[in-house]
Amino acid sequence: MIQAMIEIPEEANQILNIVKARYNLKTKSEAIAKIVIECGGNILEPELRPEYLQKLQKIEKEGYGETFISIRQLREKIEKG
C-alpha cells in the first residue's frame, strides 16, 4: 500500500467525512480510495453496457444507421413512413 501526505481544502475534508459515514468506512484513506475508484470508472474508457449494444443493434436493423445520397432521397424516406 502506498502512503501519501496530502493537503486538502476544508470542503474536500467535509466530503470525505460524509463518504466515510455513508459507506461506513473506518478511515479517510478508505473514503479517498472509494471516491477515486468510482470516479476513475467514469474518467477511463468504460466498456459499453450490454443493453446499449442491444439498442445499437436494434437501431441498425431498423435502418436508422442508413445513409442517403441526397436530401431528396432522405425526404422520400421520411414521407413514406
PDB file of N, CA and C in Angstrom:
ATOM      1  N   MET A   1       0.846  -1.168   0.000  1.00  0.00           N
ATOM      2  CA  MET A   1       0.000   0.000   0.000  1.00  0.00           C
ATOM      3  C   MET A   1       0.894   1.234   0.000  1.00  0.00           C
ATOM      4  N   ILE A   2       0.510   2.216  -0.766  1.00  0.00           N
ATOM      5  CA  ILE A   2       1.279   3.450  -0.872  1.00  0.00           C
ATOM      6  C   ILE A   2       0.727   4.455   0.123  1.00  0.00           C
ATOM      7  N   GLN A   3       1.627   5.166   0.770  1.00  0.00           N
ATOM      8  CA  GLN A   3       1.225   6.205   1.716  1.00  0.00           C
ATOM      9  C   GLN A   3       1.587   7.559   1.132  1.00  0.00           C
ATOM     10  N   ALA A   4       0.737   8.545   1.390  1.00  0.00           N
ATOM     11  CA  ALA A   4       0.997   9.889   0.901  1.00  0.00           C
ATOM     12  C   ALA A   4       0.425  10.895   1.883  1.00  0.00           C
ATOM     13  N   MET A   5       1.163  11.952   2.108  1.00  0.00           N
ATOM     14  CA  MET A   5       0.638  13.060   2.897  1.00  0.00           C
ATOM     15  C   MET A   5       0.095  14.082   1.916  1.00  0.00           C
ATOM     16  N   ILE A   6      -1.144  14.459   2.123  1.00  0.00           N
ATOM     17  CA  ILE A   6      -1.764  15.406   1.198  1.00  0.00           C
ATOM     18  C   ILE A   6      -2.394  16.544   1.985  1.00  0.00           C
ATOM     19  N   GLU A   7      -2.530  17.671   1.318  1.00  0.00           N
ATOM     20  CA  GLU A   7      -3.254  18.797   1.874  1.00  0.00           C
ATOM     21  C   GLU A   7      -4.520  18.952   1.058  1.00  0.00           C
ATOM     22  N   ILE A   8      -5.647  19.043   1.743  1.00  0.00           N
ATOM     23  CA  ILE A   8      -6.926  19.197   1.050  1.00  0.00           C
ATOM     24  C   ILE A   8      -7.681  20.366   1.669  1.00  0.00           C
ATOM     25  N   PRO A   9      -8.499  21.027   0.886  1.00  0.00           N
ATOM     26  CA  PRO A   9      -9.309  22.123   1.436  1.00  0.00           C
ATOM     27  C   PRO A   9     -10.363  21.588   2.409  1.00  0.00           C
ATOM     28  N   GLU A  10     -10.893  22.468   3.199  1.00  0.00           N
ATOM     29  CA  GLU A  10     -11.896  22.097   4.215  1.00  0.00           C
ATOM     30  C   GLU A  10     -13.120  21.443   3.569  1.00  0.00           C
ATOM     31  N   GLU A  11     -13.549  21.965   2.431  1.00  0.00           N
ATOM     32  CA  GLU A  11     -14.726  21.402   1.746  1.00  0.00           C
ATOM     33  C   GLU A  11     -14.480  19.945   1.357  1.00  0.00           C
ATOM     34  N   ALA A  12     -13.290  19.648   0.845  1.00  0.00           N
ATOM     35  CA  ALA A  12     -12.953  18.277   0.479  1.00  0.00           C
ATOM     36  C   ALA A  12     -12.927  17.387   1.715  1.00  0.00           C
ATOM     37  N   ASN A  13     -12.434  17.916   2.813  1.00  0.00           N
ATOM     38  CA  ASN A  13     -12.411  17.167   4.062  1.00  0.00           C
ATOM     39  C   ASN A  13     -13.828  16.824   4.525  1.00  0.00           C
ATOM     40  N   GLN A  14     -14.742  17.774   4.383  1.00  0.00           N
ATOM     41  CA  GLN A  14     -16.135  17.517   4.764  1.00  0.00           C
ATOM     42  C   GLN A  14     -16.755  16.441   3.883  1.00  0.00           C
ATOM     43  N   ILE A  15     -16.435  16.499   2.600  1.00  0.00           N
ATOM     44  CA  ILE A  15     -16.960  15.473   1.680  1.00  0.00           C
ATOM     45  C   ILE A  15     -16.408  14.107   2.049  1.00  0.00           C
ATOM     46  N   LEU A  16     -15.129  14.051   2.383  1.00  0.00           N
ATOM     47  CA  LEU A  16     -14.538  12.771   2.810  1.00  0.00           C
ATOM     48  C   LEU A  16     -15.241  12.229   4.043  1.00  0.00           C
ATOM     49  N   ASN A  17     -15.542  13.112   4.995  1.00  0.00           N
ATOM     50  CA  ASN A  17     -16.247  12.676   6.199  1.00  0.00           C
ATOM     51  C   ASN A  17     -17.634  12.134   5.869  1.00  0.00           C
ATOM     52  N   ILE A  18     -18.310  12.761   4.921  1.00  0.00           N
ATOM     53  CA  ILE A  18     -19.645  12.300   4.523  1.00  0.00           C
ATOM     54  C   ILE A  18     -19.552  10.928   3.849  1.00  0.00           C
ATOM     55  N   VAL A  19     -18.593  10.781   2.932  1.00  0.00           N
ATOM     56  CA  VAL A  19     -18.404   9.492   2.247  1.00  0.00           C
ATOM     57  C   VAL A  19     -18.053   8.412   3.263  1.00  0.00           C
ATOM     58  N   LYS A  20     -17.181   8.755   4.176  1.00  0.00           N
ATOM     59  CA  LYS A  20     -16.765   7.812   5.221  1.00  0.00           C
ATOM     60  C   LYS A  20     -17.968   7.338   6.036  1.00  0.00           C
ATOM     61  N   ALA A  21     -18.835   8.272   6.416  1.00  0.00           N
ATOM     62  CA  ALA A  21     -20.016   7.915   7.208  1.00  0.00           C
ATOM     63  C   ALA A  21     -21.037   7.141   6.374  1.00  0.00           C
ATOM     64  N   ARG A  22     -21.278   7.598   5.161  1.00  0.00           N
ATOM     65  CA  ARG A  22     -22.306   6.981   4.315  1.00  0.00           C
ATOM     66  C   ARG A  22     -21.997   5.523   4.006  1.00  0.00           C
ATOM     67  N   TYR A  23     -20.723   5.227   3.759  1.00  0.00           N
ATOM     68  CA  TYR A  23     -20.345   3.866   3.399  1.00  0.00           C
ATOM     69  C   TYR A  23     -19.759   3.088   4.572  1.00  0.00           C
ATOM     70  N   ASN A  24     -19.871   3.660   5.763  1.00  0.00           N
ATOM     71  CA  ASN A  24     -19.411   3.005   6.990  1.00  0.00           C
ATOM     72  C   ASN A  24     -17.938   2.581   6.887  1.00  0.00           C
ATOM     73  N   LEU A  25     -17.115   3.526   6.432  1.00  0.00           N
ATOM     74  CA  LEU A  25     -15.689   3.263   6.291  1.00  0.00           C
ATOM     75  C   LEU A  25     -14.969   3.668   7.569  1.00  0.00           C
ATOM     76  N   LYS A  26     -13.833   3.059   7.815  1.00  0.00           N
ATOM     77  CA  LYS A  26     -13.110   3.315   9.063  1.00  0.00           C
ATOM     78  C   LYS A  26     -12.176   4.515   8.967  1.00  0.00           C
ATOM     79  N   THR A  27     -11.599   4.755   7.788  1.00  0.00           N
ATOM     80  CA  THR A  27     -10.625   5.828   7.666  1.00  0.00           C
ATOM     81  C   THR A  27     -10.912   6.702   6.450  1.00  0.00           C
ATOM     82  N   LYS A  28     -10.300   7.877   6.469  1.00  0.00           N
ATOM     83  CA  LYS A  28     -10.420   8.761   5.307  1.00  0.00           C
ATOM     84  C   LYS A  28      -9.675   8.179   4.116  1.00  0.00           C
ATOM     85  N   SER A  29      -8.658   7.391   4.377  1.00  0.00           N
ATOM     86  CA  SER A  29      -7.945   6.726   3.282  1.00  0.00           C
ATOM     87  C   SER A  29      -8.892   5.813   2.518  1.00  0.00           C
ATOM     88  N   GLU A  30      -9.746   5.095   3.229  1.00  0.00           N
ATOM     89  CA  GLU A  30     -10.733   4.237   2.566  1.00  0.00           C
ATOM     90  C   GLU A  30     -11.728   5.077   1.779  1.00  0.00           C
ATOM     91  N   ALA A  31     -12.096   6.244   2.318  1.00  0.00           N
ATOM     92  CA  ALA A  31     -13.022   7.138   1.621  1.00  0.00           C
ATOM     93  C   ALA A  31     -12.389   7.667   0.340  1.00  0.00           C
ATOM     94  N   ILE A  32     -11.128   8.062   0.409  1.00  0.00           N
ATOM     95  CA  ILE A  32     -10.424   8.544  -0.779  1.00  0.00           C
ATOM     96  C   ILE A  32     -10.359   7.435  -1.829  1.00  0.00           C
ATOM     97  N   ALA A  33     -10.013   6.234  -1.401  1.00  0.00           N
ATOM     98  CA  ALA A  33      -9.933   5.105  -2.335  1.00  0.00           C
ATOM     99  C   ALA A  33     -11.283   4.856  -3.002  1.00  0.00           C
ATOM    100  N   LYS A  34     -12.363   4.902  -2.231  1.00  0.00           N
ATOM    101  CA  LYS A  34     -13.710   4.677  -2.767  1.00  0.00           C
ATOM    102  C   LYS A  34     -14.046   5.724  -3.832  1.00  0.00           C
ATOM    103  N   ILE A  35     -13.778   6.986  -3.523  1.00  0.00           N
ATOM    104  CA  ILE A  35     -14.079   8.069  -4.460  1.00  0.00           C
ATOM    105  C   ILE A  35     -13.250   7.925  -5.732  1.00  0.00           C
ATOM    106  N   VAL A  36     -11.977   7.648  -5.584  1.00  0.00           N
ATOM    107  CA  VAL A  36     -11.099   7.530  -6.749  1.00  0.00           C
ATOM    108  C   VAL A  36     -11.525   6.375  -7.639  1.00  0.00           C
ATOM    109  N   ILE A  37     -11.863   5.255  -7.048  1.00  0.00           N
ATOM    110  CA  ILE A  37     -12.270   4.083  -7.841  1.00  0.00           C
ATOM    111  C   ILE A  37     -13.572   4.355  -8.575  1.00  0.00           C
ATOM    112  N   GLU A  38     -14.545   4.963  -7.880  1.00  0.00           N
ATOM    113  CA  GLU A  38     -15.829   5.238  -8.530  1.00  0.00           C
ATOM    114  C   GLU A  38     -15.693   6.280  -9.622  1.00  0.00           C
ATOM    115  N   CYS A  39     -14.967   7.343  -9.363  1.00  0.00           N
ATOM    116  CA  CYS A  39     -14.790   8.401 -10.367  1.00  0.00           C
ATOM    117  C   CYS A  39     -13.880   7.938 -11.497  1.00  0.00           C
ATOM    118  N   GLY A  40     -12.917   7.095 -11.170  1.00  0.00           N
ATOM    119  CA  GLY A  40     -11.994   6.601 -12.185  1.00  0.00           C
ATOM    120  C   GLY A  40     -12.698   5.837 -13.284  1.00  0.00           C
ATOM    121  N   GLY A  41     -13.756   5.123 -12.926  1.00  0.00           N
ATOM    122  CA  GLY A  41     -14.519   4.389 -13.931  1.00  0.00           C
ATOM    123  C   GLY A  41     -15.162   5.308 -14.949  1.00  0.00           C
ATOM    124  N   ASN A  42     -15.524   6.518 -14.517  1.00  0.00           N
ATOM    125  CA  ASN A  42     -16.130   7.478 -15.439  1.00  0.00           C
ATOM    126  C   ASN A  42     -15.082   8.161 -16.298  1.00  0.00           C
ATOM    127  N   ILE A  43     -13.888   8.323 -15.766  1.00  0.00           N
ATOM    128  CA  ILE A  43     -12.831   9.014 -16.494  1.00  0.00           C
ATOM    129  C   ILE A  43     -12.201   8.097 -17.536  1.00  0.00           C
ATOM    130  N   LEU A  44     -11.902   6.871 -17.131  1.00  0.00           N
ATOM    131  CA  LEU A  44     -11.321   5.912 -18.058  1.00  0.00           C
ATOM    132  C   LEU A  44     -12.385   5.460 -19.036  1.00  0.00           C
ATOM    133  N   GLU A  45     -11.974   4.925 -20.148  1.00  0.00           N
ATOM    134  CA  GLU A  45     -12.946   4.484 -21.143  1.00  0.00           C
ATOM    135  C   GLU A  45     -13.735   3.296 -20.611  1.00  0.00           C
ATOM    136  N   PRO A  46     -15.012   3.501 -20.330  1.00  0.00           N
ATOM    137  CA  PRO A  46     -15.821   2.385 -19.837  1.00  0.00           C
ATOM    138  C   PRO A  46     -16.215   1.450 -20.974  1.00  0.00           C
ATOM    139  N   GLU A  47     -16.414   0.195 -20.661  1.00  0.00           N
ATOM    140  CA  GLU A  47     -16.914  -0.750 -21.655  1.00  0.00           C
ATOM    141  C   GLU A  47     -18.386  -0.436 -21.910  1.00  0.00           C
ATOM    142  N   LEU A  48     -18.826  -0.720 -23.098  1.00  0.00           N
ATOM    143  CA  LEU A  48     -20.224  -0.477 -23.418  1.00  0.00           C
ATOM    144  C   LEU A  48     -21.097  -1.481 -22.685  1.00  0.00           C
ATOM    145  N   ARG A  49     -22.150  -0.968 -22.091  1.00  0.00           N
ATOM    146  CA  ARG A  49     -23.076  -1.837 -21.381  1.00  0.00           C
ATOM    147  C   ARG A  49     -23.813  -2.714 -22.396  1.00  0.00           C
ATOM    148  N   PRO A  50     -24.122  -3.959 -22.015  1.00  0.00           N
ATOM    149  CA  PRO A  50     -24.799  -4.876 -22.943  1.00  0.00           C
ATOM    150  C   PRO A  50     -26.126  -4.316 -23.461  1.00  0.00           C
ATOM    151  N   GLU A  51     -26.887  -3.624 -22.612  1.00  0.00           N
ATOM    152  CA  GLU A  51     -28.175  -3.093 -23.069  1.00  0.00           C
ATOM    153  C   GLU A  51     -27.982  -1.992 -24.116  1.00  0.00           C
ATOM    154  N   TYR A  52     -26.872  -1.255 -24.022  1.00  0.00           N
ATOM    155  CA  TYR A  52     -26.583  -0.235 -25.023  1.00  0.00           C
ATOM    156  C   TYR A  52     -26.214  -0.889 -26.354  1.00  0.00           C
ATOM    157  N   LEU A  53     -25.432  -1.958 -26.304  1.00  0.00           N
ATOM    158  CA  LEU A  53     -25.087  -2.679 -27.531  1.00  0.00           C
ATOM    159  C   LEU A  53     -26.338  -3.244 -28.204  1.00  0.00           C
ATOM    160  N   GLN A  54     -27.274  -3.757 -27.402  1.00  0.00           N
ATOM    161  CA  GLN A  54     -28.529  -4.270 -27.955  1.00  0.00           C
ATOM    162  C   GLN A  54     -29.317  -3.150 -28.626  1.00  0.00           C
ATOM    163  N   LYS A  55     -29.313  -1.989 -27.997  1.00  0.00           N
ATOM    164  CA  LYS A  55     -30.022  -0.840 -28.562  1.00  0.00           C
ATOM    165  C   LYS A  55     -29.404  -0.433 -29.899  1.00  0.00           C
ATOM    166  N   LEU A  56     -28.069  -0.436 -29.975  1.00  0.00           N
ATOM    167  CA  LEU A  56     -27.398  -0.110 -31.230  1.00  0.00           C
ATOM    168  C   LEU A  56     -27.750  -1.109 -32.328  1.00  0.00           C
ATOM    169  N   GLN A  57     -27.785  -2.392 -31.975  1.00  0.00           N
ATOM    170  CA  GLN A  57     -28.132  -3.419 -32.960  1.00  0.00           C
ATOM    171  C   GLN A  57     -29.562  -3.221 -33.459  1.00  0.00           C
ATOM    172  N   LYS A  58     -30.459  -2.874 -32.567  1.00  0.00           N
ATOM    173  CA  LYS A  58     -31.854  -2.634 -32.940  1.00  0.00           C
ATOM    174  C   LYS A  58     -31.945  -1.440 -33.897  1.00  0.00           C
ATOM    175  N   ILE A  59     -31.203  -0.387 -33.606  1.00  0.00           N
ATOM    176  CA  ILE A  59     -31.210   0.790 -34.469  1.00  0.00           C
ATOM    177  C   ILE A  59     -30.685   0.441 -35.857  1.00  0.00           C
ATOM    178  N   GLU A  60     -29.623  -0.355 -35.920  1.00  0.00           N
ATOM    179  CA  GLU A  60     -29.069  -0.749 -37.217  1.00  0.00           C
ATOM    180  C   GLU A  60     -30.063  -1.587 -38.019  1.00  0.00           C
ATOM    181  N   LYS A  61     -30.800  -2.488 -37.351  1.00  0.00           N
ATOM    182  CA  LYS A  61     -31.786  -3.325 -38.035  1.00  0.00           C
ATOM    183  C   LYS A  61     -32.942  -2.495 -38.570  1.00  0.00           C
ATOM    184  N   GLU A  62     -33.338  -1.450 -37.822  1.00  0.00           N
ATOM    185  CA  GLU A  62     -34.473  -0.627 -38.227  1.00  0.00           C
ATOM    186  C   GLU A  62     -34.108   0.386 -39.304  1.00  0.00           C
ATOM    187  N   GLY A  63     -32.845   0.503 -39.623  1.00  0.00           N
ATOM    188  CA  GLY A  63     -32.448   1.389 -40.703  1.00  0.00           C
ATOM    189  C   GLY A  63     -32.051   2.785 -40.272  1.00  0.00           C
ATOM    190  N   TYR A  64     -31.921   3.023 -38.988  1.00  0.00           N
ATOM    191  CA  TYR A  64     -31.535   4.362 -38.540  1.00  0.00           C
ATOM    192  C   TYR A  64     -30.078   4.665 -38.834  1.00  0.00           C
ATOM    193  N   GLY A  65     -29.307   3.644 -39.139  1.00  0.00           N
ATOM    194  CA  GLY A  65     -27.913   3.846 -39.489  1.00  0.00           C
ATOM    195  C   GLY A  65     -27.732   4.031 -40.989  1.00  0.00           C
ATOM    196  N   GLU A  66     -28.829   4.186 -41.684  1.00  0.00           N
ATOM    197  CA  GLU A  66     -28.848   4.281 -43.128  1.00  0.00           C
ATOM    198  C   GLU A  66     -28.259   5.611 -43.607  1.00  0.00           C
ATOM    199  N   THR A  67     -27.555   5.581 -44.727  1.00  0.00           N
ATOM    200  CA  THR A  67     -27.028   6.813 -45.310  1.00  0.00           C
ATOM    201  C   THR A  67     -27.811   7.143 -46.566  1.00  0.00           C
ATOM    202  N   PHE A  68     -27.860   8.414 -46.893  1.00  0.00           N
ATOM    203  CA  PHE A  68     -28.614   8.883 -48.048  1.00  0.00           C
ATOM    204  C   PHE A  68     -27.697   9.652 -48.973  1.00  0.00           C
ATOM    205  N   ILE A  69     -27.929   9.511 -50.258  1.00  0.00           N
ATOM    206  CA  ILE A  69     -27.100  10.180 -51.264  1.00  0.00           C
ATOM    207  C   ILE A  69     -27.488  11.648 -51.384  1.00  0.00           C
ATOM    208  N   SER A  70     -28.780  11.933 -51.199  1.00  0.00           N
ATOM    209  CA  SER A  70     -29.237  13.312 -51.375  1.00  0.00           C
ATOM    210  C   SER A  70     -30.345  13.621 -50.378  1.00  0.00           C
ATOM    211  N   ILE A  71     -30.653  14.900 -50.283  1.00  0.00           N
ATOM    212  CA  ILE A  71     -31.760  15.356 -49.440  1.00  0.00           C
ATOM    213  C   ILE A  71     -33.076  14.804 -49.971  1.00  0.00           C
ATOM    214  N   ARG A  72     -33.190  14.738 -51.291  1.00  0.00           N
ATOM    215  CA  ARG A  72     -34.410  14.220 -51.912  1.00  0.00           C
ATOM    216  C   ARG A  72     -34.659  12.782 -51.463  1.00  0.00           C
ATOM    217  N   GLN A  73     -33.603  11.955 -51.452  1.00  0.00           N
ATOM    218  CA  GLN A  73     -33.750  10.562 -51.028  1.00  0.00           C
ATOM    219  C   GLN A  73     -34.176  10.496 -49.565  1.00  0.00           C
ATOM    220  N   LEU A  74     -33.608  11.331 -48.734  1.00  0.00           N
ATOM    221  CA  LEU A  74     -33.996  11.385 -47.325  1.00  0.00           C
ATOM    222  C   LEU A  74     -35.445  11.818 -47.176  1.00  0.00           C
ATOM    223  N   ARG A  75     -35.833  12.842 -47.906  1.00  0.00           N
ATOM    224  CA  ARG A  75     -37.210  13.347 -47.841  1.00  0.00           C
ATOM    225  C   ARG A  75     -38.217  12.275 -48.259  1.00  0.00           C
ATOM    226  N   GLU A  76     -37.896  11.516 -49.321  1.00  0.00           N
ATOM    227  CA  GLU A  76     -38.774  10.446 -49.773  1.00  0.00           C
ATOM    228  C   GLU A  76     -38.929   9.388 -48.677  1.00  0.00           C
ATOM    229  N   LYS A  77     -37.828   9.053 -48.027  1.00  0.00           N
ATOM    230  CA  LYS A  77     -37.869   8.055 -46.958  1.00  0.00           C
ATOM    231  C   LYS A  77     -38.747   8.535 -45.796  1.00  0.00           C
ATOM    232  N   ILE A  78     -38.610   9.808 -45.433  1.00  0.00           N
ATOM    233  CA  ILE A  78     -39.395  10.376 -44.323  1.00  0.00           C
ATOM    234  C   ILE A  78     -40.868  10.429 -44.672  1.00  0.00           C
ATOM    235  N   GLU A  79     -41.192  10.851 -45.888  1.00  0.00           N
ATOM    236  CA  GLU A  79     -42.578  10.998 -46.300  1.00  0.00           C
ATOM    237  C   GLU A  79     -43.294   9.659 -46.452  1.00  0.00           C
ATOM    238  N   LYS A  80     -42.559   8.594 -46.747  1.00  0.00           N
ATOM    239  CA  LYS A  80     -43.158   7.275 -46.874  1.00  0.00           C
ATOM    240  C   LYS A  80     -43.600   6.720 -45.519  1.00  0.00           C
ATOM    241  N   GLY A  81     -42.848   7.046 -44.525  1.00  0.00           N
ATOM    242  CA  GLY A  81     -43.190   6.321 -43.362  1.00  0.00           C
ATOM    243  C   GLY A  81     -43.052   6.786 -42.048  1.00  0.00           C
TER     244      GLY A  81
END
